[in-house]
Amino acid sequence: MHVAGYYLNLMFHYHPKFKANYKVKWGMYDYLERMGGDIDEISKNDAQIESFKRKSGFFSSQMAQRALKMKTPSHWWE
């Protein structure tokens, strides 16, 4: 769970020097499997994480980008 919190923390993840090493990535996907339920739900979560990583879809909107500077990570994810 701590790895997921780190990986999904936008203040870390969107920092120009952010690099998730193998252990962090493995921990993130291990967490998804443990919490995600069936494979279809895990796949949906994985697709959303890909959008988050690439700042695409909702994550590319002006609202989401502006909120990066104005909200805490927990409020931003809400």
N, C-alpha and C. Protein backbone atom coordinates (compact mmCIF):
# COMPACT_ATOMS: atom_id res chain seq x y z
N MET A 1 0.82 -1.18 0.00
CA MET A 1 0.00 0.00 0.00
C MET A 1 0.88 1.26 0.00
N HIS A 2 1.98 1.22 0.71
CA HIS A 2 2.87 2.38 0.74
C HIS A 2 3.47 2.66 -0.64
N VAL A 3 3.79 1.59 -1.35
CA VAL A 3 4.33 1.75 -2.70
C VAL A 3 3.30 2.42 -3.61
N ALA A 4 2.04 2.00 -3.51
CA ALA A 4 0.98 2.61 -4.33
C ALA A 4 0.83 4.08 -3.98
N GLY A 5 0.89 4.40 -2.69
CA GLY A 5 0.81 5.79 -2.26
C GLY A 5 1.94 6.63 -2.84
N TYR A 6 3.13 6.07 -2.85
CA TYR A 6 4.29 6.76 -3.43
C TYR A 6 4.13 6.91 -4.94
N TYR A 7 3.80 5.80 -5.59
CA TYR A 7 3.72 5.79 -7.05
C TYR A 7 2.63 6.73 -7.57
N LEU A 8 1.52 6.80 -6.86
CA LEU A 8 0.40 7.62 -7.31
C LEU A 8 0.41 9.03 -6.74
N ASN A 9 1.42 9.38 -5.95
CA ASN A 9 1.53 10.73 -5.42
C ASN A 9 1.99 11.64 -6.55
N LEU A 10 1.09 12.48 -7.01
CA LEU A 10 1.38 13.33 -8.16
C LEU A 10 2.54 14.27 -7.95
N MET A 11 2.81 14.66 -6.71
CA MET A 11 3.93 15.55 -6.43
C MET A 11 5.26 14.84 -6.72
N PHE A 12 5.30 13.54 -6.51
CA PHE A 12 6.49 12.76 -6.84
C PHE A 12 6.46 12.33 -8.30
N HIS A 13 5.34 11.75 -8.72
CA HIS A 13 5.25 11.14 -10.05
C HIS A 13 5.45 12.15 -11.18
N TYR A 14 4.95 13.34 -11.02
CA TYR A 14 5.06 14.34 -12.08
C TYR A 14 6.30 15.21 -11.94
N HIS A 15 7.15 14.91 -10.98
CA HIS A 15 8.42 15.63 -10.86
C HIS A 15 9.32 15.19 -12.01
N PRO A 16 10.03 16.13 -12.63
CA PRO A 16 10.86 15.78 -13.80
C PRO A 16 11.89 14.68 -13.53
N LYS A 17 12.34 14.54 -12.32
CA LYS A 17 13.38 13.54 -12.02
C LYS A 17 12.81 12.22 -11.49
N PHE A 18 11.48 12.08 -11.51
CA PHE A 18 10.87 10.85 -10.99
C PHE A 18 11.22 9.66 -11.87
N LYS A 19 11.66 8.59 -11.25
CA LYS A 19 11.88 7.32 -11.94
C LYS A 19 11.44 6.23 -11.00
N ALA A 20 10.50 5.43 -11.43
CA ALA A 20 10.06 4.30 -10.62
C ALA A 20 10.94 3.11 -10.98
N ASN A 21 11.66 2.61 -10.00
CA ASN A 21 12.50 1.45 -10.28
C ASN A 21 11.66 0.17 -10.32
N TYR A 22 12.30 -0.91 -10.60
CA TYR A 22 11.63 -2.20 -10.75
C TYR A 22 10.83 -2.57 -9.50
N LYS A 23 11.41 -2.40 -8.33
CA LYS A 23 10.72 -2.78 -7.08
C LYS A 23 9.46 -1.95 -6.87
N VAL A 24 9.52 -0.67 -7.20
CA VAL A 24 8.36 0.20 -7.04
C VAL A 24 7.25 -0.24 -8.01
N LYS A 25 7.60 -0.46 -9.25
CA LYS A 25 6.60 -0.90 -10.24
C LYS A 25 6.02 -2.25 -9.85
N TRP A 26 6.86 -3.17 -9.46
CA TRP A 26 6.38 -4.49 -9.05
C TRP A 26 5.43 -4.36 -7.86
N GLY A 27 5.80 -3.53 -6.88
CA GLY A 27 4.96 -3.32 -5.71
C GLY A 27 3.62 -2.72 -6.07
N MET A 28 3.62 -1.80 -7.03
CA MET A 28 2.37 -1.17 -7.46
C MET A 28 1.43 -2.20 -8.07
N TYR A 29 1.95 -3.02 -8.95
CA TYR A 29 1.09 -4.00 -9.62
C TYR A 29 0.73 -5.17 -8.69
N ASP A 30 1.58 -5.48 -7.75
CA ASP A 30 1.24 -6.47 -6.74
C ASP A 30 0.07 -5.96 -5.90
N TYR A 31 0.12 -4.69 -5.55
CA TYR A 31 -0.98 -4.07 -4.79
C TYR A 31 -2.28 -4.12 -5.59
N LEU A 32 -2.21 -3.80 -6.89
CA LEU A 32 -3.40 -3.85 -7.74
C LEU A 32 -4.02 -5.24 -7.73
N GLU A 33 -3.19 -6.25 -7.83
CA GLU A 33 -3.72 -7.62 -7.84
C GLU A 33 -4.37 -7.98 -6.51
N ARG A 34 -3.76 -7.55 -5.44
CA ARG A 34 -4.31 -7.87 -4.11
C ARG A 34 -5.63 -7.14 -3.85
N MET A 35 -5.74 -5.91 -4.30
CA MET A 35 -6.90 -5.09 -4.00
C MET A 35 -7.94 -5.06 -5.11
N GLY A 36 -7.52 -5.43 -6.33
CA GLY A 36 -8.36 -5.22 -7.49
C GLY A 36 -9.48 -6.20 -7.74
N GLY A 37 -9.42 -7.37 -7.16
CA GLY A 37 -10.47 -8.34 -7.43
C GLY A 37 -10.20 -9.12 -8.70
N ASP A 38 -11.16 -9.11 -9.62
CA ASP A 38 -11.01 -9.92 -10.83
C ASP A 38 -10.11 -9.22 -11.86
N ILE A 39 -9.69 -9.97 -12.84
CA ILE A 39 -8.73 -9.49 -13.83
C ILE A 39 -9.28 -8.33 -14.66
N ASP A 40 -10.59 -8.28 -14.90
CA ASP A 40 -11.18 -7.17 -15.65
C ASP A 40 -11.04 -5.86 -14.88
N GLU A 41 -11.28 -5.91 -13.58
CA GLU A 41 -11.15 -4.70 -12.75
C GLU A 41 -9.69 -4.26 -12.66
N ILE A 42 -8.80 -5.21 -12.53
CA ILE A 42 -7.37 -4.89 -12.48
C ILE A 42 -6.95 -4.24 -13.80
N SER A 43 -7.44 -4.75 -14.91
CA SER A 43 -7.10 -4.18 -16.22
C SER A 43 -7.61 -2.76 -16.36
N LYS A 44 -8.79 -2.47 -15.85
CA LYS A 44 -9.32 -1.10 -15.89
C LYS A 44 -8.43 -0.18 -15.06
N ASN A 45 -8.05 -0.64 -13.88
CA ASN A 45 -7.17 0.17 -13.04
C ASN A 45 -5.82 0.41 -13.72
N ASP A 46 -5.30 -0.63 -14.36
CA ASP A 46 -4.03 -0.49 -15.07
C ASP A 46 -4.13 0.54 -16.18
N ALA A 47 -5.23 0.53 -16.92
CA ALA A 47 -5.43 1.51 -18.00
C ALA A 47 -5.49 2.93 -17.44
N GLN A 48 -6.13 3.10 -16.29
CA GLN A 48 -6.19 4.42 -15.67
C GLN A 48 -4.81 4.87 -15.20
N ILE A 49 -4.02 3.94 -14.70
CA ILE A 49 -2.65 4.28 -14.28
C ILE A 49 -1.83 4.72 -15.49
N GLU A 50 -2.01 4.06 -16.62
CA GLU A 50 -1.29 4.47 -17.84
C GLU A 50 -1.68 5.89 -18.24
N SER A 51 -2.96 6.23 -18.15
CA SER A 51 -3.39 7.60 -18.45
C SER A 51 -2.77 8.59 -17.48
N PHE A 52 -2.72 8.21 -16.21
CA PHE A 52 -2.10 9.06 -15.18
C PHE A 52 -0.62 9.28 -15.51
N LYS A 53 0.10 8.21 -15.84
CA LYS A 53 1.53 8.32 -16.13
C LYS A 53 1.79 9.25 -17.31
N ARG A 54 0.93 9.18 -18.32
CA ARG A 54 1.15 9.95 -19.55
C ARG A 54 0.44 11.31 -19.55
N LYS A 55 -0.27 11.60 -18.47
CA LYS A 55 -1.08 12.83 -18.40
C LYS A 55 -2.00 12.91 -19.60
N SER A 56 -2.71 11.82 -19.87
CA SER A 56 -3.65 11.81 -20.99
C SER A 56 -5.07 11.68 -20.46
N GLY A 57 -6.05 11.85 -21.34
CA GLY A 57 -7.44 11.79 -20.92
C GLY A 57 -7.74 12.87 -19.90
N PHE A 58 -8.46 12.52 -18.86
CA PHE A 58 -8.80 13.49 -17.81
C PHE A 58 -7.55 14.14 -17.22
N PHE A 59 -6.48 13.37 -17.11
CA PHE A 59 -5.26 13.87 -16.47
C PHE A 59 -4.59 14.99 -17.27
N SER A 60 -4.96 15.15 -18.53
CA SER A 60 -4.39 16.22 -19.34
C SER A 60 -5.25 17.49 -19.34
N SER A 61 -6.41 17.42 -18.73
CA SER A 61 -7.31 18.58 -18.77
C SER A 61 -6.71 19.78 -18.04
N GLN A 62 -7.12 20.96 -18.43
CA GLN A 62 -6.65 22.18 -17.77
C GLN A 62 -7.00 22.17 -16.29
N MET A 63 -8.17 21.67 -15.98
CA MET A 63 -8.62 21.60 -14.59
C MET A 63 -7.67 20.72 -13.76
N ALA A 64 -7.35 19.54 -14.27
CA ALA A 64 -6.47 18.63 -13.54
C ALA A 64 -5.07 19.21 -13.40
N GLN A 65 -4.57 19.82 -14.46
CA GLN A 65 -3.22 20.39 -14.40
C GLN A 65 -3.15 21.59 -13.45
N ARG A 66 -4.15 22.41 -13.47
CA ARG A 66 -4.18 23.56 -12.56
C ARG A 66 -4.30 23.10 -11.10
N ALA A 67 -5.10 22.07 -10.89
CA ALA A 67 -5.31 21.57 -9.53
C ALA A 67 -4.03 20.96 -8.95
N LEU A 68 -3.10 20.54 -9.81
CA LEU A 68 -1.83 20.01 -9.33
C LEU A 68 -1.13 21.00 -8.39
N LYS A 69 -1.27 22.26 -8.71
CA LYS A 69 -0.57 23.31 -7.95
C LYS A 69 -1.38 23.82 -6.77
N MET A 70 -2.67 23.47 -6.73
CA MET A 70 -3.54 24.08 -5.74
C MET A 70 -4.09 23.11 -4.70
N LYS A 71 -3.98 21.81 -4.96
CA LYS A 71 -4.58 20.83 -4.06
C LYS A 71 -3.54 19.86 -3.51
N THR A 72 -3.85 19.29 -2.38
CA THR A 72 -3.03 18.20 -1.87
C THR A 72 -3.29 16.97 -2.75
N PRO A 73 -2.37 16.02 -2.77
CA PRO A 73 -2.61 14.83 -3.60
C PRO A 73 -3.93 14.12 -3.29
N SER A 74 -4.30 14.01 -2.03
CA SER A 74 -5.56 13.31 -1.71
C SER A 74 -6.77 14.08 -2.23
N HIS A 75 -6.75 15.39 -2.16
CA HIS A 75 -7.86 16.17 -2.71
C HIS A 75 -7.88 16.13 -4.23
N TRP A 76 -6.71 16.11 -4.84
CA TRP A 76 -6.64 16.05 -6.28
C TRP A 76 -7.24 14.74 -6.78
N TRP A 77 -6.93 13.62 -6.12
CA TRP A 77 -7.45 12.33 -6.56
C TRP A 77 -8.95 12.21 -6.33
N GLU A 78 -9.46 12.94 -5.36
CA GLU A 78 -10.90 12.93 -5.11
C GLU A 78 -11.64 13.40 -6.33
